[in-house]
Amino acid sequence: MNLRVQFFSHLKDVTGSDEFHAHVPEGASVADLLTVVYGQHPKLRSWDSSILVGAGVEFVDRDYLLKEGDEIALMPPVQGG
């Protein structure tokens, strides 16, 4: 499956990009996708415990099973102000 992964806020600075295109096998989870993303952007691994993941317009857990065409958003914790 081919997926579009978007980076937001500080994660854009860490990766030097606002998006990444990843290929994962059918039945892959968000955790599997993060392994691929961290392989290309190892500096993101230090953010692993706090990264929020969105699929479409909903936040999802690491065990969420990805579907073809999902647009995944990776973002740091939401901060109010």
PDB file of N, CA and C in Angstrom:
ATOM      1  N   MET A   1       0.838  -1.173   0.000  1.00  0.00           N
ATOM      2  CA  MET A   1       0.000   0.000   0.000  1.00  0.00           C
ATOM      3  C   MET A   1       0.883   1.235   0.000  1.00  0.00           C
ATOM      4  N   ASN A   2       0.446   2.215  -0.703  1.00  0.00           N
ATOM      5  CA  ASN A   2       1.142   3.497  -0.700  1.00  0.00           C
ATOM      6  C   ASN A   2       0.346   4.481   0.135  1.00  0.00           C
ATOM      7  N   LEU A   3       1.035   5.146   1.039  1.00  0.00           N
ATOM      8  CA  LEU A   3       0.388   6.083   1.946  1.00  0.00           C
ATOM      9  C   LEU A   3       1.106   7.420   1.935  1.00  0.00           C
ATOM     10  N   ARG A   4       0.338   8.472   2.142  1.00  0.00           N
ATOM     11  CA  ARG A   4       0.900   9.812   2.289  1.00  0.00           C
ATOM     12  C   ARG A   4       0.938  10.127   3.779  1.00  0.00           C
ATOM     13  N   VAL A   5       2.114  10.474   4.259  1.00  0.00           N
ATOM     14  CA  VAL A   5       2.303  10.820   5.666  1.00  0.00           C
ATOM     15  C   VAL A   5       2.649  12.296   5.729  1.00  0.00           C
ATOM     16  N   GLN A   6       1.881  13.051   6.497  1.00  0.00           N
ATOM     17  CA  GLN A   6       2.127  14.482   6.635  1.00  0.00           C
ATOM     18  C   GLN A   6       2.723  14.760   8.016  1.00  0.00           C
ATOM     19  N   PHE A   7       3.696  15.681   8.049  1.00  0.00           N
ATOM     20  CA  PHE A   7       4.333  16.085   9.292  1.00  0.00           C
ATOM     21  C   PHE A   7       3.852  17.484   9.657  1.00  0.00           C
ATOM     22  N   PHE A   8       3.569  17.700  10.930  1.00  0.00           N
ATOM     23  CA  PHE A   8       3.084  18.988  11.386  1.00  0.00           C
ATOM     24  C   PHE A   8       3.964  19.553  12.493  1.00  0.00           C
ATOM     25  N   SER A   9       3.926  20.867  12.611  1.00  0.00           N
ATOM     26  CA  SER A   9       4.597  21.613  13.667  1.00  0.00           C
ATOM     27  C   SER A   9       6.090  21.285  13.722  1.00  0.00           C
ATOM     28  N   HIS A  10       6.594  20.966  14.902  1.00  0.00           N
ATOM     29  CA  HIS A  10       8.028  20.717  15.083  1.00  0.00           C
ATOM     30  C   HIS A  10       8.516  19.523  14.256  1.00  0.00           C
ATOM     31  N   LEU A  11       7.622  18.602  13.962  1.00  0.00           N
ATOM     32  CA  LEU A  11       8.041  17.415  13.206  1.00  0.00           C
ATOM     33  C   LEU A  11       8.447  17.784  11.779  1.00  0.00           C
ATOM     34  N   LYS A  12       7.874  18.850  11.241  1.00  0.00           N
ATOM     35  CA  LYS A  12       8.315  19.354   9.925  1.00  0.00           C
ATOM     36  C   LYS A  12       9.761  19.811  10.009  1.00  0.00           C
ATOM     37  N   ASP A  13      10.089  20.498  11.093  1.00  0.00           N
ATOM     38  CA  ASP A  13      11.460  20.978  11.276  1.00  0.00           C
ATOM     39  C   ASP A  13      12.432  19.811  11.415  1.00  0.00           C
ATOM     40  N   VAL A  14      12.026  18.794  12.161  1.00  0.00           N
ATOM     41  CA  VAL A  14      12.884  17.630  12.389  1.00  0.00           C
ATOM     42  C   VAL A  14      13.162  16.888  11.087  1.00  0.00           C
ATOM     43  N   THR A  15      12.133  16.741  10.242  1.00  0.00           N
ATOM     44  CA  THR A  15      12.292  15.983   8.993  1.00  0.00           C
ATOM     45  C   THR A  15      12.774  16.840   7.834  1.00  0.00           C
ATOM     46  N   GLY A  16      12.589  18.158   7.945  1.00  0.00           N
ATOM     47  CA  GLY A  16      12.937  19.044   6.840  1.00  0.00           C
ATOM     48  C   GLY A  16      11.956  18.948   5.688  1.00  0.00           C
ATOM     49  N   SER A  17      10.766  18.413   5.970  1.00  0.00           N
ATOM     50  CA  SER A  17       9.757  18.209   4.927  1.00  0.00           C
ATOM     51  C   SER A  17       8.373  18.252   5.567  1.00  0.00           C
ATOM     52  N   ASP A  18       7.370  18.493   4.745  1.00  0.00           N
ATOM     53  CA  ASP A  18       6.021  18.460   5.295  1.00  0.00           C
ATOM     54  C   ASP A  18       5.280  17.172   4.962  1.00  0.00           C
ATOM     55  N   GLU A  19       5.879  16.317   4.114  1.00  0.00           N
ATOM     56  CA  GLU A  19       5.237  15.031   3.838  1.00  0.00           C
ATOM     57  C   GLU A  19       6.242  13.995   3.363  1.00  0.00           C
ATOM     58  N   PHE A  20       5.782  12.749   3.415  1.00  0.00           N
ATOM     59  CA  PHE A  20       6.603  11.590   3.080  1.00  0.00           C
ATOM     60  C   PHE A  20       5.661  10.563   2.463  1.00  0.00           C
ATOM     61  N   HIS A  21       6.097   9.893   1.444  1.00  0.00           N
ATOM     62  CA  HIS A  21       5.299   8.821   0.846  1.00  0.00           C
ATOM     63  C   HIS A  21       5.925   7.500   1.237  1.00  0.00           C
ATOM     64  N   ALA A  22       5.113   6.644   1.840  1.00  0.00           N
ATOM     65  CA  ALA A  22       5.608   5.372   2.364  1.00  0.00           C
ATOM     66  C   ALA A  22       4.887   4.209   1.711  1.00  0.00           C
ATOM     67  N   HIS A  23       5.588   3.111   1.596  1.00  0.00           N
ATOM     68  CA  HIS A  23       4.997   1.870   1.103  1.00  0.00           C
ATOM     69  C   HIS A  23       5.039   0.857   2.235  1.00  0.00           C
ATOM     70  N   VAL A  24       3.874   0.296   2.570  1.00  0.00           N
ATOM     71  CA  VAL A  24       3.775  -0.741   3.596  1.00  0.00           C
ATOM     72  C   VAL A  24       2.921  -1.880   3.039  1.00  0.00           C
ATOM     73  N   PRO A  25       3.109  -3.092   3.554  1.00  0.00           N
ATOM     74  CA  PRO A  25       2.303  -4.223   3.060  1.00  0.00           C
ATOM     75  C   PRO A  25       0.850  -4.138   3.533  1.00  0.00           C
ATOM     76  N   GLU A  26      -0.037  -4.815   2.818  1.00  0.00           N
ATOM     77  CA  GLU A  26      -1.438  -4.923   3.242  1.00  0.00           C
ATOM     78  C   GLU A  26      -1.463  -5.459   4.671  1.00  0.00           C
ATOM     79  N   GLY A  27      -2.382  -4.956   5.472  1.00  0.00           N
ATOM     80  CA  GLY A  27      -2.517  -5.418   6.846  1.00  0.00           C
ATOM     81  C   GLY A  27      -1.559  -4.752   7.822  1.00  0.00           C
ATOM     82  N   ALA A  28      -0.795  -3.761   7.352  1.00  0.00           N
ATOM     83  CA  ALA A  28       0.151  -3.064   8.220  1.00  0.00           C
ATOM     84  C   ALA A  28      -0.597  -2.153   9.187  1.00  0.00           C
ATOM     85  N   SER A  29       0.005  -1.959  10.350  1.00  0.00           N
ATOM     86  CA  SER A  29      -0.559  -1.074  11.361  1.00  0.00           C
ATOM     87  C   SER A  29       0.200   0.247  11.376  1.00  0.00           C
ATOM     88  N   VAL A  30      -0.300   1.179  12.166  1.00  0.00           N
ATOM     89  CA  VAL A  30       0.404   2.448  12.350  1.00  0.00           C
ATOM     90  C   VAL A  30       1.805   2.186  12.897  1.00  0.00           C
ATOM     91  N   ALA A  31       1.934   1.240  13.819  1.00  0.00           N
ATOM     92  CA  ALA A  31       3.257   0.911  14.371  1.00  0.00           C
ATOM     93  C   ALA A  31       4.211   0.467  13.264  1.00  0.00           C
ATOM     94  N   ASP A  32       3.719  -0.330  12.317  1.00  0.00           N
ATOM     95  CA  ASP A  32       4.552  -0.766  11.181  1.00  0.00           C
ATOM     96  C   ASP A  32       4.956   0.429  10.327  1.00  0.00           C
ATOM     97  N   LEU A  33       4.012   1.319  10.090  1.00  0.00           N
ATOM     98  CA  LEU A  33       4.296   2.520   9.308  1.00  0.00           C
ATOM     99  C   LEU A  33       5.351   3.379   9.998  1.00  0.00           C
ATOM    100  N   LEU A  34       5.231   3.547  11.315  1.00  0.00           N
ATOM    101  CA  LEU A  34       6.211   4.355  12.034  1.00  0.00           C
ATOM    102  C   LEU A  34       7.617   3.775  11.915  1.00  0.00           C
ATOM    103  N   THR A  35       7.733   2.460  11.869  1.00  0.00           N
ATOM    104  CA  THR A  35       9.041   1.831  11.670  1.00  0.00           C
ATOM    105  C   THR A  35       9.628   2.269  10.334  1.00  0.00           C
ATOM    106  N   VAL A  36       8.814   2.308   9.296  1.00  0.00           N
ATOM    107  CA  VAL A  36       9.263   2.757   7.974  1.00  0.00           C
ATOM    108  C   VAL A  36       9.646   4.236   8.017  1.00  0.00           C
ATOM    109  N   VAL A  37       8.801   5.048   8.635  1.00  0.00           N
ATOM    110  CA  VAL A  37       9.068   6.484   8.720  1.00  0.00           C
ATOM    111  C   VAL A  37      10.368   6.744   9.484  1.00  0.00           C
ATOM    112  N   TYR A  38      10.547   6.062  10.617  1.00  0.00           N
ATOM    113  CA  TYR A  38      11.766   6.252  11.413  1.00  0.00           C
ATOM    114  C   TYR A  38      13.005   5.780  10.672  1.00  0.00           C
ATOM    115  N   GLY A  39      12.848   4.805   9.795  1.00  0.00           N
ATOM    116  CA  GLY A  39      13.978   4.360   8.975  1.00  0.00           C
ATOM    117  C   GLY A  39      14.469   5.459   8.048  1.00  0.00           C
ATOM    118  N   GLN A  40      13.559   6.268   7.544  1.00  0.00           N
ATOM    119  CA  GLN A  40      13.910   7.374   6.648  1.00  0.00           C
ATOM    120  C   GLN A  40      14.221   8.668   7.402  1.00  0.00           C
ATOM    121  N   HIS A  41      13.631   8.819   8.569  1.00  0.00           N
ATOM    122  CA  HIS A  41      13.799  10.039   9.367  1.00  0.00           C
ATOM    123  C   HIS A  41      14.122   9.638  10.813  1.00  0.00           C
ATOM    124  N   PRO A  42      15.335   9.128  11.063  1.00  0.00           N
ATOM    125  CA  PRO A  42      15.680   8.594  12.385  1.00  0.00           C
ATOM    126  C   PRO A  42      15.540   9.598  13.535  1.00  0.00           C
ATOM    127  N   LYS A  43      15.667  10.883  13.265  1.00  0.00           N
ATOM    128  CA  LYS A  43      15.543  11.874  14.340  1.00  0.00           C
ATOM    129  C   LYS A  43      14.135  11.901  14.936  1.00  0.00           C
ATOM    130  N   LEU A  44      13.153  11.429  14.184  1.00  0.00           N
ATOM    131  CA  LEU A  44      11.782  11.398  14.699  1.00  0.00           C
ATOM    132  C   LEU A  44      11.621  10.401  15.840  1.00  0.00           C
ATOM    133  N   ARG A  45      12.473   9.387  15.872  1.00  0.00           N
ATOM    134  CA  ARG A  45      12.344   8.338  16.898  1.00  0.00           C
ATOM    135  C   ARG A  45      12.365   8.944  18.308  1.00  0.00           C
ATOM    136  N   SER A  46      13.103  10.014  18.509  1.00  0.00           N
ATOM    137  CA  SER A  46      13.159  10.611  19.846  1.00  0.00           C
ATOM    138  C   SER A  46      11.807  11.216  20.256  1.00  0.00           C
ATOM    139  N   TRP A  47      10.931  11.439  19.312  1.00  0.00           N
ATOM    140  CA  TRP A  47       9.592  11.959  19.590  1.00  0.00           C
ATOM    141  C   TRP A  47       8.555  10.847  19.749  1.00  0.00           C
ATOM    142  N   ASP A  48       8.964   9.594  19.592  1.00  0.00           N
ATOM    143  CA  ASP A  48       8.029   8.470  19.493  1.00  0.00           C
ATOM    144  C   ASP A  48       6.989   8.428  20.609  1.00  0.00           C
ATOM    145  N   SER A  49       7.389   8.657  21.841  1.00  0.00           N
ATOM    146  CA  SER A  49       6.440   8.504  22.951  1.00  0.00           C
ATOM    147  C   SER A  49       5.369   9.592  22.972  1.00  0.00           C
ATOM    148  N   SER A  50       5.589  10.680  22.227  1.00  0.00           N
ATOM    149  CA  SER A  50       4.608  11.766  22.274  1.00  0.00           C
ATOM    150  C   SER A  50       3.920  12.060  20.939  1.00  0.00           C
ATOM    151  N   ILE A  51       4.319  11.372  19.878  1.00  0.00           N
ATOM    152  CA  ILE A  51       3.706  11.628  18.570  1.00  0.00           C
ATOM    153  C   ILE A  51       2.237  11.210  18.574  1.00  0.00           C
ATOM    154  N   LEU A  52       1.405  12.106  18.085  1.00  0.00           N
ATOM    155  CA  LEU A  52      -0.010  11.798  17.868  1.00  0.00           C
ATOM    156  C   LEU A  52      -0.180  11.431  16.398  1.00  0.00           C
ATOM    157  N   VAL A  53      -1.041  10.444  16.140  1.00  0.00           N
ATOM    158  CA  VAL A  53      -1.247   9.958  14.773  1.00  0.00           C
ATOM    159  C   VAL A  53      -2.710  10.131  14.406  1.00  0.00           C
ATOM    160  N   GLY A  54      -2.929  10.750  13.258  1.00  0.00           N
ATOM    161  CA  GLY A  54      -4.274  10.900  12.743  1.00  0.00           C
ATOM    162  C   GLY A  54      -4.409  10.163  11.424  1.00  0.00           C
ATOM    163  N   ALA A  55      -5.551   9.522  11.232  1.00  0.00           N
ATOM    164  CA  ALA A  55      -5.893   8.897   9.947  1.00  0.00           C
ATOM    165  C   ALA A  55      -7.165   9.594   9.494  1.00  0.00           C
ATOM    166  N   GLY A  56      -7.042  10.347   8.413  1.00  0.00           N
ATOM    167  CA  GLY A  56      -8.177  11.165   8.001  1.00  0.00           C
ATOM    168  C   GLY A  56      -8.377  12.270   9.020  1.00  0.00           C
ATOM    169  N   VAL A  57      -9.541  12.318   9.634  1.00  0.00           N
ATOM    170  CA  VAL A  57      -9.838  13.389  10.591  1.00  0.00           C
ATOM    171  C   VAL A  57      -9.914  12.880  12.036  1.00  0.00           C
ATOM    172  N   GLU A  58      -9.473  11.643  12.282  1.00  0.00           N
ATOM    173  CA  GLU A  58      -9.547  11.074  13.627  1.00  0.00           C
ATOM    174  C   GLU A  58      -8.172  10.674  14.125  1.00  0.00           C
ATOM    175  N   PHE A  59      -7.948  10.830  15.431  1.00  0.00           N
ATOM    176  CA  PHE A  59      -6.739  10.300  16.035  1.00  0.00           C
ATOM    177  C   PHE A  59      -6.889   8.792  16.133  1.00  0.00           C
ATOM    178  N   VAL A  60      -5.788   8.066  15.904  1.00  0.00           N
ATOM    179  CA  VAL A  60      -5.817   6.603  15.947  1.00  0.00           C
ATOM    180  C   VAL A  60      -4.670   6.087  16.816  1.00  0.00           C
ATOM    181  N   ASP A  61      -4.829   4.857  17.291  1.00  0.00           N
ATOM    182  CA  ASP A  61      -3.803   4.187  18.083  1.00  0.00           C
ATOM    183  C   ASP A  61      -2.787   3.519  17.177  1.00  0.00           C
ATOM    184  N   ARG A  62      -1.718   3.068  17.784  1.00  0.00           N
ATOM    185  CA  ARG A  62      -0.642   2.416  17.025  1.00  0.00           C
ATOM    186  C   ARG A  62      -1.073   1.082  16.415  1.00  0.00           C
ATOM    187  N   ASP A  63      -2.136   0.480  16.949  1.00  0.00           N
ATOM    188  CA  ASP A  63      -2.596  -0.803  16.406  1.00  0.00           C
ATOM    189  C   ASP A  63      -3.639  -0.639  15.296  1.00  0.00           C
ATOM    190  N   TYR A  64      -3.970   0.603  14.944  1.00  0.00           N
ATOM    191  CA  TYR A  64      -4.905   0.882  13.848  1.00  0.00           C
ATOM    192  C   TYR A  64      -4.369   0.255  12.566  1.00  0.00           C
ATOM    193  N   LEU A  65      -5.225  -0.516  11.879  1.00  0.00           N
ATOM    194  CA  LEU A  65      -4.822  -1.138  10.612  1.00  0.00           C
ATOM    195  C   LEU A  65      -5.047  -0.157   9.471  1.00  0.00           C
ATOM    196  N   LEU A  66      -3.998   0.080   8.744  1.00  0.00           N
ATOM    197  CA  LEU A  66      -4.025   1.051   7.653  1.00  0.00           C
ATOM    198  C   LEU A  66      -4.796   0.531   6.453  1.00  0.00           C
ATOM    199  N   LYS A  67      -5.391   1.456   5.718  1.00  0.00           N
ATOM    200  CA  LYS A  67      -6.121   1.118   4.497  1.00  0.00           C
ATOM    201  C   LYS A  67      -5.527   1.906   3.331  1.00  0.00           C
ATOM    202  N   GLU A  68      -5.576   1.325   2.160  1.00  0.00           N
ATOM    203  CA  GLU A  68      -5.100   2.023   0.959  1.00  0.00           C
ATOM    204  C   GLU A  68      -5.773   3.380   0.879  1.00  0.00           C
ATOM    205  N   GLY A  69      -4.988   4.399   0.632  1.00  0.00           N
ATOM    206  CA  GLY A  69      -5.524   5.741   0.486  1.00  0.00           C
ATOM    207  C   GLY A  69      -5.601   6.537   1.779  1.00  0.00           C
ATOM    208  N   ASP A  70      -5.313   5.888   2.921  1.00  0.00           N
ATOM    209  CA  ASP A  70      -5.301   6.649   4.169  1.00  0.00           C
ATOM    210  C   ASP A  70      -4.285   7.780   4.071  1.00  0.00           C
ATOM    211  N   GLU A  71      -4.662   8.939   4.577  1.00  0.00           N
ATOM    212  CA  GLU A  71      -3.719  10.040   4.723  1.00  0.00           C
ATOM    213  C   GLU A  71      -3.413  10.136   6.201  1.00  0.00           C
ATOM    214  N   ILE A  72      -2.158   9.949   6.530  1.00  0.00           N
ATOM    215  CA  ILE A  72      -1.732   9.876   7.912  1.00  0.00           C
ATOM    216  C   ILE A  72      -1.066  11.186   8.311  1.00  0.00           C
ATOM    217  N   ALA A  73      -1.441  11.699   9.455  1.00  0.00           N
ATOM    218  CA  ALA A  73      -0.854  12.918   9.990  1.00  0.00           C
ATOM    219  C   ALA A  73      -0.070  12.580  11.247  1.00  0.00           C
ATOM    220  N   LEU A  74       1.187  13.026  11.300  1.00  0.00           N
ATOM    221  CA  LEU A  74       2.001  12.870  12.499  1.00  0.00           C
ATOM    222  C   LEU A  74       2.216  14.251  13.091  1.00  0.00           C
ATOM    223  N   MET A  75       1.911  14.367  14.378  1.00  0.00           N
ATOM    224  CA  MET A  75       2.030  15.680  15.005  1.00  0.00           C
ATOM    225  C   MET A  75       2.469  15.525  16.453  1.00  0.00           C
ATOM    226  N   PRO A  76       3.123  16.573  16.975  1.00  0.00           N
ATOM    227  CA  PRO A  76       3.470  16.562  18.383  1.00  0.00           C
ATOM    228  C   PRO A  76       2.202  16.765  19.202  1.00  0.00           C
ATOM    229  N   PRO A  77       2.293  16.586  20.524  1.00  0.00           N
ATOM    230  CA  PRO A  77       1.088  16.787  21.357  1.00  0.00           C
ATOM    231  C   PRO A  77       0.475  18.156  21.116  1.00  0.00           C
ATOM    232  N   VAL A  78      -0.826  18.200  21.157  1.00  0.00           N
ATOM    233  CA  VAL A  78      -1.560  19.447  20.957  1.00  0.00           C
ATOM    234  C   VAL A  78      -1.367  20.321  22.188  1.00  0.00           C
ATOM    235  N   GLN A  79      -1.082  21.580  21.963  1.00  0.00           N
ATOM    236  CA  GLN A  79      -0.887  22.508  23.067  1.00  0.00           C
ATOM    237  C   GLN A  79      -1.913  23.620  22.978  1.00  0.00           C
ATOM    238  N   GLY A  80      -2.481  23.938  24.101  1.00  0.00           N
ATOM    239  CA  GLY A  80      -3.449  25.027  24.137  1.00  0.00           C
ATOM    240  C   GLY A  80      -2.757  26.351  24.406  1.00  0.00           C
ATOM    241  N   GLY A  81      -3.514  27.413  24.338  1.00  0.00           N
ATOM    242  CA  GLY A  81      -2.879  28.681  24.602  1.00  0.00           C
ATOM    243  C   GLY A  81      -3.806  29.802  24.871  1.00  0.00           C
TER     244      GLY A  81
END
